[in-house]
Amino acid sequence: MTAELEATREDLLAVQPADYEDSVNELQTEWEGRLRRLLRERPEVAGDLRRLLDELPAPETDTGTRVKQRATASGRGRVYQAGRDQHINER
């Protein structure tokens, strides 16, 4: 399952911003089904799953705050902006 989680993470990192919400919803539905099947097939793992979920940080809530970013670069300058995670791989 670790490899599947990593593949899901890679899928999300590759999504275009305009498609992000739809992709998140699709992957969330997929994982809900996987977990439901796991719990149906192995109900004894429910306690372990609950403990794992209890250790996760509380989800962020939408406070209604909107951020507008604007940047300008000239010449050989670069601008890096992100509303969340940012991964830069320059070669």
PDB file of N, CA and C in Angstrom:
ATOM      1  N   MET A   1       0.828  -1.193   0.000  1.00  0.00           N
ATOM      2  CA  MET A   1       0.000   0.000   0.000  1.00  0.00           C
ATOM      3  C   MET A   1       0.872   1.257   0.000  1.00  0.00           C
ATOM      4  N   THR A   2       2.084   1.150   0.515  1.00  0.00           N
ATOM      5  CA  THR A   2       2.985   2.298   0.523  1.00  0.00           C
ATOM      6  C   THR A   2       3.279   2.776  -0.892  1.00  0.00           C
ATOM      7  N   ALA A   3       3.505   1.842  -1.804  1.00  0.00           N
ATOM      8  CA  ALA A   3       3.773   2.209  -3.200  1.00  0.00           C
ATOM      9  C   ALA A   3       2.559   2.887  -3.821  1.00  0.00           C
ATOM     10  N   GLU A   4       1.360   2.432  -3.456  1.00  0.00           N
ATOM     11  CA  GLU A   4       0.144   3.043  -3.983  1.00  0.00           C
ATOM     12  C   GLU A   4      -0.026   4.467  -3.460  1.00  0.00           C
ATOM     13  N   LEU A   5       0.308   4.679  -2.191  1.00  0.00           N
ATOM     14  CA  LEU A   5       0.247   6.033  -1.628  1.00  0.00           C
ATOM     15  C   LEU A   5       1.243   6.953  -2.327  1.00  0.00           C
ATOM     16  N   GLU A   6       2.433   6.459  -2.577  1.00  0.00           N
ATOM     17  CA  GLU A   6       3.452   7.257  -3.265  1.00  0.00           C
ATOM     18  C   GLU A   6       3.007   7.578  -4.688  1.00  0.00           C
ATOM     19  N   ALA A   7       2.397   6.613  -5.362  1.00  0.00           N
ATOM     20  CA  ALA A   7       1.898   6.859  -6.724  1.00  0.00           C
ATOM     21  C   ALA A   7       0.804   7.917  -6.708  1.00  0.00           C
ATOM     22  N   THR A   8      -0.058   7.884  -5.701  1.00  0.00           N
ATOM     23  CA  THR A   8      -1.111   8.894  -5.575  1.00  0.00           C
ATOM     24  C   THR A   8      -0.490  10.273  -5.347  1.00  0.00           C
ATOM     25  N   ARG A   9       0.528  10.329  -4.514  1.00  0.00           N
ATOM     26  CA  ARG A   9       1.228  11.601  -4.262  1.00  0.00           C
ATOM     27  C   ARG A   9       1.824  12.143  -5.557  1.00  0.00           C
ATOM     28  N   GLU A  10       2.464  11.279  -6.325  1.00  0.00           N
ATOM     29  CA  GLU A  10       3.059  11.700  -7.596  1.00  0.00           C
ATOM     30  C   GLU A  10       1.977  12.184  -8.564  1.00  0.00           C
ATOM     31  N   ASP A  11       0.843  11.493  -8.580  1.00  0.00           N
ATOM     32  CA  ASP A  11      -0.267  11.918  -9.434  1.00  0.00           C
ATOM     33  C   ASP A  11      -0.706  13.333  -9.079  1.00  0.00           C
ATOM     34  N   LEU A  12      -0.840  13.605  -7.785  1.00  0.00           N
ATOM     35  CA  LEU A  12      -1.283  14.929  -7.356  1.00  0.00           C
ATOM     36  C   LEU A  12      -0.256  16.008  -7.682  1.00  0.00           C
ATOM     37  N   LEU A  13       1.025  15.682  -7.557  1.00  0.00           N
ATOM     38  CA  LEU A  13       2.066  16.661  -7.867  1.00  0.00           C
ATOM     39  C   LEU A  13       2.101  16.993  -9.359  1.00  0.00           C
ATOM     40  N   ALA A  14       1.640  16.071 -10.196  1.00  0.00           N
ATOM     41  CA  ALA A  14       1.678  16.269 -11.643  1.00  0.00           C
ATOM     42  C   ALA A  14       0.426  16.969 -12.182  1.00  0.00           C
ATOM     43  N   VAL A  15      -0.578  17.147 -11.358  1.00  0.00           N
ATOM     44  CA  VAL A  15      -1.849  17.721 -11.809  1.00  0.00           C
ATOM     45  C   VAL A  15      -1.701  19.222 -12.068  1.00  0.00           C
ATOM     46  N   GLN A  16      -2.323  19.662 -13.144  1.00  0.00           N
ATOM     47  CA  GLN A  16      -2.365  21.091 -13.441  1.00  0.00           C
ATOM     48  C   GLN A  16      -3.275  21.779 -12.419  1.00  0.00           C
ATOM     49  N   PRO A  17      -2.952  23.010 -12.026  1.00  0.00           N
ATOM     50  CA  PRO A  17      -3.756  23.696 -11.002  1.00  0.00           C
ATOM     51  C   PRO A  17      -5.255  23.731 -11.312  1.00  0.00           C
ATOM     52  N   ALA A  18      -5.622  23.905 -12.567  1.00  0.00           N
ATOM     53  CA  ALA A  18      -7.038  23.987 -12.922  1.00  0.00           C
ATOM     54  C   ALA A  18      -7.764  22.666 -12.678  1.00  0.00           C
ATOM     55  N   ASP A  19      -7.044  21.557 -12.702  1.00  0.00           N
ATOM     56  CA  ASP A  19      -7.649  20.237 -12.522  1.00  0.00           C
ATOM     57  C   ASP A  19      -7.455  19.674 -11.126  1.00  0.00           C
ATOM     58  N   TYR A  20      -6.830  20.441 -10.240  1.00  0.00           N
ATOM     59  CA  TYR A  20      -6.427  19.912  -8.939  1.00  0.00           C
ATOM     60  C   TYR A  20      -7.615  19.431  -8.109  1.00  0.00           C
ATOM     61  N   GLU A  21      -8.631  20.256  -7.973  1.00  0.00           N
ATOM     62  CA  GLU A  21      -9.766  19.889  -7.114  1.00  0.00           C
ATOM     63  C   GLU A  21     -10.458  18.624  -7.618  1.00  0.00           C
ATOM     64  N   ASP A  22     -10.678  18.518  -8.940  1.00  0.00           N
ATOM     65  CA  ASP A  22     -11.300  17.313  -9.497  1.00  0.00           C
ATOM     66  C   ASP A  22     -10.428  16.089  -9.243  1.00  0.00           C
ATOM     67  N   SER A  23      -9.123  16.241  -9.397  1.00  0.00           N
ATOM     68  CA  SER A  23      -8.207  15.123  -9.179  1.00  0.00           C
ATOM     69  C   SER A  23      -8.203  14.692  -7.719  1.00  0.00           C
ATOM     70  N   VAL A  24      -8.201  15.652  -6.816  1.00  0.00           N
ATOM     71  CA  VAL A  24      -8.247  15.334  -5.386  1.00  0.00           C
ATOM     72  C   VAL A  24      -9.523  14.564  -5.066  1.00  0.00           C
ATOM     73  N   ASN A  25     -10.652  15.034  -5.585  1.00  0.00           N
ATOM     74  CA  ASN A  25     -11.925  14.354  -5.324  1.00  0.00           C
ATOM     75  C   ASN A  25     -11.914  12.929  -5.880  1.00  0.00           C
ATOM     76  N   GLU A  26     -11.375  12.755  -7.079  1.00  0.00           N
ATOM     77  CA  GLU A  26     -11.306  11.430  -7.695  1.00  0.00           C
ATOM     78  C   GLU A  26     -10.427  10.479  -6.884  1.00  0.00           C
ATOM     79  N   LEU A  27      -9.249  10.960  -6.489  1.00  0.00           N
ATOM     80  CA  LEU A  27      -8.335  10.116  -5.720  1.00  0.00           C
ATOM     81  C   LEU A  27      -8.878   9.838  -4.325  1.00  0.00           C
ATOM     82  N   GLN A  28      -9.562  10.811  -3.742  1.00  0.00           N
ATOM     83  CA  GLN A  28     -10.159  10.594  -2.421  1.00  0.00           C
ATOM     84  C   GLN A  28     -11.209   9.495  -2.497  1.00  0.00           C
ATOM     85  N   THR A  29     -12.048   9.535  -3.519  1.00  0.00           N
ATOM     86  CA  THR A  29     -13.071   8.497  -3.701  1.00  0.00           C
ATOM     87  C   THR A  29     -12.423   7.131  -3.895  1.00  0.00           C
ATOM     88  N   GLU A  30     -11.350   7.089  -4.676  1.00  0.00           N
ATOM     89  CA  GLU A  30     -10.632   5.837  -4.903  1.00  0.00           C
ATOM     90  C   GLU A  30     -10.094   5.266  -3.597  1.00  0.00           C
ATOM     91  N   TRP A  31      -9.478   6.122  -2.758  1.00  0.00           N
ATOM     92  CA  TRP A  31      -8.901   5.640  -1.495  1.00  0.00           C
ATOM     93  C   TRP A  31      -9.976   5.278  -0.489  1.00  0.00           C
ATOM     94  N   GLU A  32     -11.093   5.972  -0.507  1.00  0.00           N
ATOM     95  CA  GLU A  32     -12.189   5.585   0.384  1.00  0.00           C
ATOM     96  C   GLU A  32     -12.644   4.163   0.056  1.00  0.00           C
ATOM     97  N   GLY A  33     -12.736   3.836  -1.240  1.00  0.00           N
ATOM     98  CA  GLY A  33     -13.113   2.489  -1.650  1.00  0.00           C
ATOM     99  C   GLY A  33     -12.084   1.460  -1.217  1.00  0.00           C
ATOM    100  N   ARG A  34     -10.809   1.792  -1.377  1.00  0.00           N
ATOM    101  CA  ARG A  34      -9.746   0.862  -0.964  1.00  0.00           C
ATOM    102  C   ARG A  34      -9.816   0.575   0.535  1.00  0.00           C
ATOM    103  N   LEU A  35      -9.986   1.631   1.319  1.00  0.00           N
ATOM    104  CA  LEU A  35     -10.039   1.448   2.770  1.00  0.00           C
ATOM    105  C   LEU A  35     -11.296   0.695   3.192  1.00  0.00           C
ATOM    106  N   ARG A  36     -12.409   0.976   2.527  1.00  0.00           N
ATOM    107  CA  ARG A  36     -13.646   0.262   2.835  1.00  0.00           C
ATOM    108  C   ARG A  36     -13.476  -1.242   2.564  1.00  0.00           C
ATOM    109  N   ARG A  37     -12.855  -1.589   1.413  1.00  0.00           N
ATOM    110  CA  ARG A  37     -12.615  -2.997   1.096  1.00  0.00           C
ATOM    111  C   ARG A  37     -11.649  -3.642   2.100  1.00  0.00           C
ATOM    112  N   LEU A  38     -10.600  -2.894   2.469  1.00  0.00           N
ATOM    113  CA  LEU A  38      -9.642  -3.411   3.448  1.00  0.00           C
ATOM    114  C   LEU A  38     -10.337  -3.731   4.768  1.00  0.00           C
ATOM    115  N   LEU A  39     -11.174  -2.811   5.239  1.00  0.00           N
ATOM    116  CA  LEU A  39     -11.852  -3.016   6.517  1.00  0.00           C
ATOM    117  C   LEU A  39     -12.881  -4.141   6.433  1.00  0.00           C
ATOM    118  N   ARG A  40     -13.492  -4.313   5.272  1.00  0.00           N
ATOM    119  CA  ARG A  40     -14.449  -5.404   5.108  1.00  0.00           C
ATOM    120  C   ARG A  40     -13.717  -6.762   5.118  1.00  0.00           C
ATOM    121  N   GLU A  41     -12.558  -6.791   4.455  1.00  0.00           N
ATOM    122  CA  GLU A  41     -11.791  -8.039   4.367  1.00  0.00           C
ATOM    123  C   GLU A  41     -11.010  -8.332   5.647  1.00  0.00           C
ATOM    124  N   ARG A  42     -10.580  -7.281   6.345  1.00  0.00           N
ATOM    125  CA  ARG A  42      -9.753  -7.469   7.558  1.00  0.00           C
ATOM    126  C   ARG A  42     -10.232  -6.524   8.663  1.00  0.00           C
ATOM    127  N   PRO A  43     -11.380  -6.788   9.246  1.00  0.00           N
ATOM    128  CA  PRO A  43     -11.930  -5.878  10.263  1.00  0.00           C
ATOM    129  C   PRO A  43     -11.024  -5.697  11.476  1.00  0.00           C
ATOM    130  N   GLU A  44     -10.102  -6.631  11.698  1.00  0.00           N
ATOM    131  CA  GLU A  44      -9.213  -6.525  12.861  1.00  0.00           C
ATOM    132  C   GLU A  44      -8.233  -5.352  12.752  1.00  0.00           C
ATOM    133  N   VAL A  45      -8.065  -4.763  11.559  1.00  0.00           N
ATOM    134  CA  VAL A  45      -7.135  -3.641  11.410  1.00  0.00           C
ATOM    135  C   VAL A  45      -7.799  -2.291  11.701  1.00  0.00           C
ATOM    136  N   ALA A  46      -9.091  -2.296  11.986  1.00  0.00           N
ATOM    137  CA  ALA A  46      -9.820  -1.041  12.226  1.00  0.00           C
ATOM    138  C   ALA A  46      -9.207  -0.233  13.370  1.00  0.00           C
ATOM    139  N   GLY A  47      -8.827  -0.893  14.448  1.00  0.00           N
ATOM    140  CA  GLY A  47      -8.221  -0.190  15.587  1.00  0.00           C
ATOM    141  C   GLY A  47      -6.893   0.445  15.214  1.00  0.00           C
ATOM    142  N   ASP A  48      -6.074  -0.281  14.447  1.00  0.00           N
ATOM    143  CA  ASP A  48      -4.790   0.274  14.001  1.00  0.00           C
ATOM    144  C   ASP A  48      -4.999   1.489  13.097  1.00  0.00           C
ATOM    145  N   LEU A  49      -5.974   1.393  12.207  1.00  0.00           N
ATOM    146  CA  LEU A  49      -6.260   2.511  11.305  1.00  0.00           C
ATOM    147  C   LEU A  49      -6.739   3.725  12.093  1.00  0.00           C
ATOM    148  N   ARG A  50      -7.588   3.501  13.086  1.00  0.00           N
ATOM    149  CA  ARG A  50      -8.097   4.615  13.905  1.00  0.00           C
ATOM    150  C   ARG A  50      -6.948   5.302  14.635  1.00  0.00           C
ATOM    151  N   ARG A  51      -6.026   4.510  15.206  1.00  0.00           N
ATOM    152  CA  ARG A  51      -4.877   5.102  15.912  1.00  0.00           C
ATOM    153  C   ARG A  51      -4.007   5.908  14.953  1.00  0.00           C
ATOM    154  N   LEU A  52      -3.802   5.379  13.761  1.00  0.00           N
ATOM    155  CA  LEU A  52      -3.018   6.088  12.750  1.00  0.00           C
ATOM    156  C   LEU A  52      -3.675   7.414  12.379  1.00  0.00           C
ATOM    157  N   LEU A  53      -4.970   7.388  12.158  1.00  0.00           N
ATOM    158  CA  LEU A  53      -5.689   8.612  11.791  1.00  0.00           C
ATOM    159  C   LEU A  53      -5.682   9.621  12.940  1.00  0.00           C
ATOM    160  N   ASP A  54      -5.761   9.138  14.171  1.00  0.00           N
ATOM    161  CA  ASP A  54      -5.735  10.036  15.324  1.00  0.00           C
ATOM    162  C   ASP A  54      -4.398  10.759  15.468  1.00  0.00           C
ATOM    163  N   GLU A  55      -3.333  10.175  14.921  1.00  0.00           N
ATOM    164  CA  GLU A  55      -2.003  10.788  15.007  1.00  0.00           C
ATOM    165  C   GLU A  55      -1.790  11.880  13.956  1.00  0.00           C
ATOM    166  N   LEU A  56      -2.641  11.902  12.936  1.00  0.00           N
ATOM    167  CA  LEU A  56      -2.483  12.913  11.876  1.00  0.00           C
ATOM    168  C   LEU A  56      -2.897  14.283  12.389  1.00  0.00           C
ATOM    169  N   PRO A  57      -2.280  15.333  11.862  1.00  0.00           N
ATOM    170  CA  PRO A  57      -2.713  16.674  12.251  1.00  0.00           C
ATOM    171  C   PRO A  57      -4.126  16.940  11.751  1.00  0.00           C
ATOM    172  N   ALA A  58      -4.821  17.808  12.437  1.00  0.00           N
ATOM    173  CA  ALA A  58      -6.179  18.173  12.029  1.00  0.00           C
ATOM    174  C   ALA A  58      -6.132  18.804  10.640  1.00  0.00           C
ATOM    175  N   PRO A  59      -7.129  18.519   9.805  1.00  0.00           N
ATOM    176  CA  PRO A  59      -7.123  19.106   8.458  1.00  0.00           C
ATOM    177  C   PRO A  59      -7.264  20.623   8.515  1.00  0.00           C
ATOM    178  N   GLU A  60      -6.670  21.271   7.540  1.00  0.00           N
ATOM    179  CA  GLU A  60      -6.790  22.723   7.452  1.00  0.00           C
ATOM    180  C   GLU A  60      -8.224  23.059   7.063  1.00  0.00           C
ATOM    181  N   THR A  61      -8.714  24.149   7.591  1.00  0.00           N
ATOM    182  CA  THR A  61     -10.058  24.578   7.221  1.00  0.00           C
ATOM    183  C   THR A  61      -9.963  25.830   6.388  1.00  0.00           C
ATOM    184  N   ASP A  62     -10.911  25.991   5.520  1.00  0.00           N
ATOM    185  CA  ASP A  62     -10.951  27.176   4.661  1.00  0.00           C
ATOM    186  C   ASP A  62     -11.498  28.335   5.474  1.00  0.00           C
ATOM    187  N   THR A  63     -10.666  29.318   5.715  1.00  0.00           N
ATOM    188  CA  THR A  63     -11.081  30.467   6.511  1.00  0.00           C
ATOM    189  C   THR A  63     -11.720  31.552   5.661  1.00  0.00           C
ATOM    190  N   GLY A  64     -11.794  31.304   4.357  1.00  0.00           N
ATOM    191  CA  GLY A  64     -12.352  32.308   3.469  1.00  0.00           C
ATOM    192  C   GLY A  64     -11.327  33.326   3.031  1.00  0.00           C
ATOM    193  N   THR A  65     -10.125  33.247   3.566  1.00  0.00           N
ATOM    194  CA  THR A  65      -9.069  34.181   3.200  1.00  0.00           C
ATOM    195  C   THR A  65      -8.537  33.834   1.817  1.00  0.00           C
ATOM    196  N   ARG A  66      -8.424  34.814   0.998  1.00  0.00           N
ATOM    197  CA  ARG A  66      -7.885  34.602  -0.342  1.00  0.00           C
ATOM    198  C   ARG A  66      -6.573  35.366  -0.449  1.00  0.00           C
ATOM    199  N   VAL A  67      -5.641  34.775  -1.123  1.00  0.00           N
ATOM    200  CA  VAL A  67      -4.330  35.390  -1.296  1.00  0.00           C
ATOM    201  C   VAL A  67      -4.126  35.661  -2.773  1.00  0.00           C
ATOM    202  N   LYS A  68      -3.680  36.841  -3.068  1.00  0.00           N
ATOM    203  CA  LYS A  68      -3.364  37.192  -4.447  1.00  0.00           C
ATOM    204  C   LYS A  68      -1.860  37.408  -4.517  1.00  0.00           C
ATOM    205  N   GLN A  69      -1.216  36.688  -5.404  1.00  0.00           N
ATOM    206  CA  GLN A  69       0.227  36.810  -5.545  1.00  0.00           C
ATOM    207  C   GLN A  69       0.537  37.450  -6.892  1.00  0.00           C
ATOM    208  N   ARG A  70       1.556  38.278  -6.879  1.00  0.00           N
ATOM    209  CA  ARG A  70       2.007  38.895  -8.114  1.00  0.00           C
ATOM    210  C   ARG A  70       3.512  39.053  -8.031  1.00  0.00           C
ATOM    211  N   ALA A  71       4.169  38.706  -9.096  1.00  0.00           N
ATOM    212  CA  ALA A  71       5.628  38.798  -9.099  1.00  0.00           C
ATOM    213  C   ALA A  71       6.103  39.201 -10.481  1.00  0.00           C
ATOM    214  N   THR A  72       7.236  39.851 -10.502  1.00  0.00           N
ATOM    215  CA  THR A  72       7.835  40.265 -11.763  1.00  0.00           C
ATOM    216  C   THR A  72       9.311  39.924 -11.735  1.00  0.00           C
ATOM    217  N   ALA A  73       9.794  39.401 -12.834  1.00  0.00           N
ATOM    218  CA  ALA A  73      11.222  39.122 -12.966  1.00  0.00           C
ATOM    219  C   ALA A  73      11.679  39.720 -14.285  1.00  0.00           C
ATOM    220  N   SER A  74      12.905  40.151 -14.304  1.00  0.00           N
ATOM    221  CA  SER A  74      13.434  40.688 -15.559  1.00  0.00           C
ATOM    222  C   SER A  74      14.827  40.108 -15.784  1.00  0.00           C
ATOM    223  N   GLY A  75      15.273  40.240 -16.999  1.00  0.00           N
ATOM    224  CA  GLY A  75      16.592  39.707 -17.325  1.00  0.00           C
ATOM    225  C   GLY A  75      16.609  38.209 -17.116  1.00  0.00           C
ATOM    226  N   ARG A  76      17.548  37.756 -16.339  1.00  0.00           N
ATOM    227  CA  ARG A  76      17.652  36.323 -16.064  1.00  0.00           C
ATOM    228  C   ARG A  76      17.037  35.948 -14.721  1.00  0.00           C
ATOM    229  N   GLY A  77      16.263  36.861 -14.174  1.00  0.00           N
ATOM    230  CA  GLY A  77      15.639  36.621 -12.873  1.00  0.00           C
ATOM    231  C   GLY A  77      14.586  35.534 -12.931  1.00  0.00           C
ATOM    232  N   ARG A  78      14.352  34.916 -11.797  1.00  0.00           N
ATOM    233  CA  ARG A  78      13.343  33.877 -11.662  1.00  0.00           C
ATOM    234  C   ARG A  78      12.436  34.209 -10.495  1.00  0.00           C
ATOM    235  N   VAL A  79      11.213  33.776 -10.606  1.00  0.00           N
ATOM    236  CA  VAL A  79      10.242  33.964  -9.532  1.00  0.00           C
ATOM    237  C   VAL A  79       9.670  32.606  -9.177  1.00  0.00           C
ATOM    238  N   TYR A  80       9.619  32.312  -7.894  1.00  0.00           N
ATOM    239  CA  TYR A  80       9.023  31.070  -7.414  1.00  0.00           C
ATOM    240  C   TYR A  80       7.946  31.451  -6.404  1.00  0.00           C
ATOM    241  N   GLN A  81       6.719  31.085  -6.688  1.00  0.00           N
ATOM    242  CA  GLN A  81       5.620  31.356  -5.771  1.00  0.00           C
ATOM    243  C   GLN A  81       4.783  30.099  -5.629  1.00  0.00           C
ATOM    244  N   ALA A  82       4.225  29.928  -4.455  1.00  0.00           N
ATOM    245  CA  ALA A  82       3.371  28.768  -4.237  1.00  0.00           C
ATOM    246  C   ALA A  82       2.350  29.091  -3.163  1.00  0.00           C
ATOM    247  N   GLY A  83       1.184  28.537  -3.320  1.00  0.00           N
ATOM    248  CA  GLY A  83       0.158  28.652  -2.296  1.00  0.00           C
ATOM    249  C   GLY A  83       0.240  27.507  -1.305  1.00  0.00           C
ATOM    250  N   ARG A  84       0.965  26.476  -1.683  1.00  0.00           N
ATOM    251  CA  ARG A  84       1.191  25.313  -0.814  1.00  0.00           C
ATOM    252  C   ARG A  84       2.579  24.791  -1.078  1.00  0.00           C
ATOM    253  N   ASP A  85       2.699  23.473  -1.179  1.00  0.00           N
ATOM    254  CA  ASP A  85       4.003  22.853  -1.393  1.00  0.00           C
ATOM    255  C   ASP A  85       4.592  23.301  -2.719  1.00  0.00           C
ATOM    256  N   GLN A  86       5.897  23.399  -2.737  1.00  0.00           N
ATOM    257  CA  GLN A  86       6.589  23.750  -3.973  1.00  0.00           C
ATOM    258  C   GLN A  86       7.828  22.879  -4.100  1.00  0.00           C
ATOM    259  N   HIS A  87       7.973  22.292  -5.264  1.00  0.00           N
ATOM    260  CA  HIS A  87       9.118  21.435  -5.531  1.00  0.00           C
ATOM    261  C   HIS A  87       9.828  21.963  -6.773  1.00  0.00           C
ATOM    262  N   ILE A  88      11.076  22.308  -6.643  1.00  0.00           N
ATOM    263  CA  ILE A  88      11.829  22.873  -7.749  1.00  0.00           C
ATOM    264  C   ILE A  88      13.020  21.963  -8.023  1.00  0.00           C
ATOM    265  N   ASN A  89      13.165  21.607  -9.267  1.00  0.00           N
ATOM    266  CA  ASN A  89      14.258  20.741  -9.665  1.00  0.00           C
ATOM    267  C   ASN A  89      14.934  21.397 -10.869  1.00  0.00           C
ATOM    268  N   GLU A  90      15.971  22.142 -10.625  1.00  0.00           N
ATOM    269  CA  GLU A  90      16.681  22.827 -11.700  1.00  0.00           C
ATOM    270  C   GLU A  90      17.890  22.015 -12.110  1.00  0.00           C
ATOM    271  N   ARG A  91      18.136  21.980 -13.367  1.00  0.00           N
ATOM    272  CA  ARG A  91      19.291  21.248 -13.866  1.00  0.00           C
ATOM    273  C   ARG A  91      20.213  22.193 -14.592  1.00  0.00           C
TER     274      ARG A  91
END
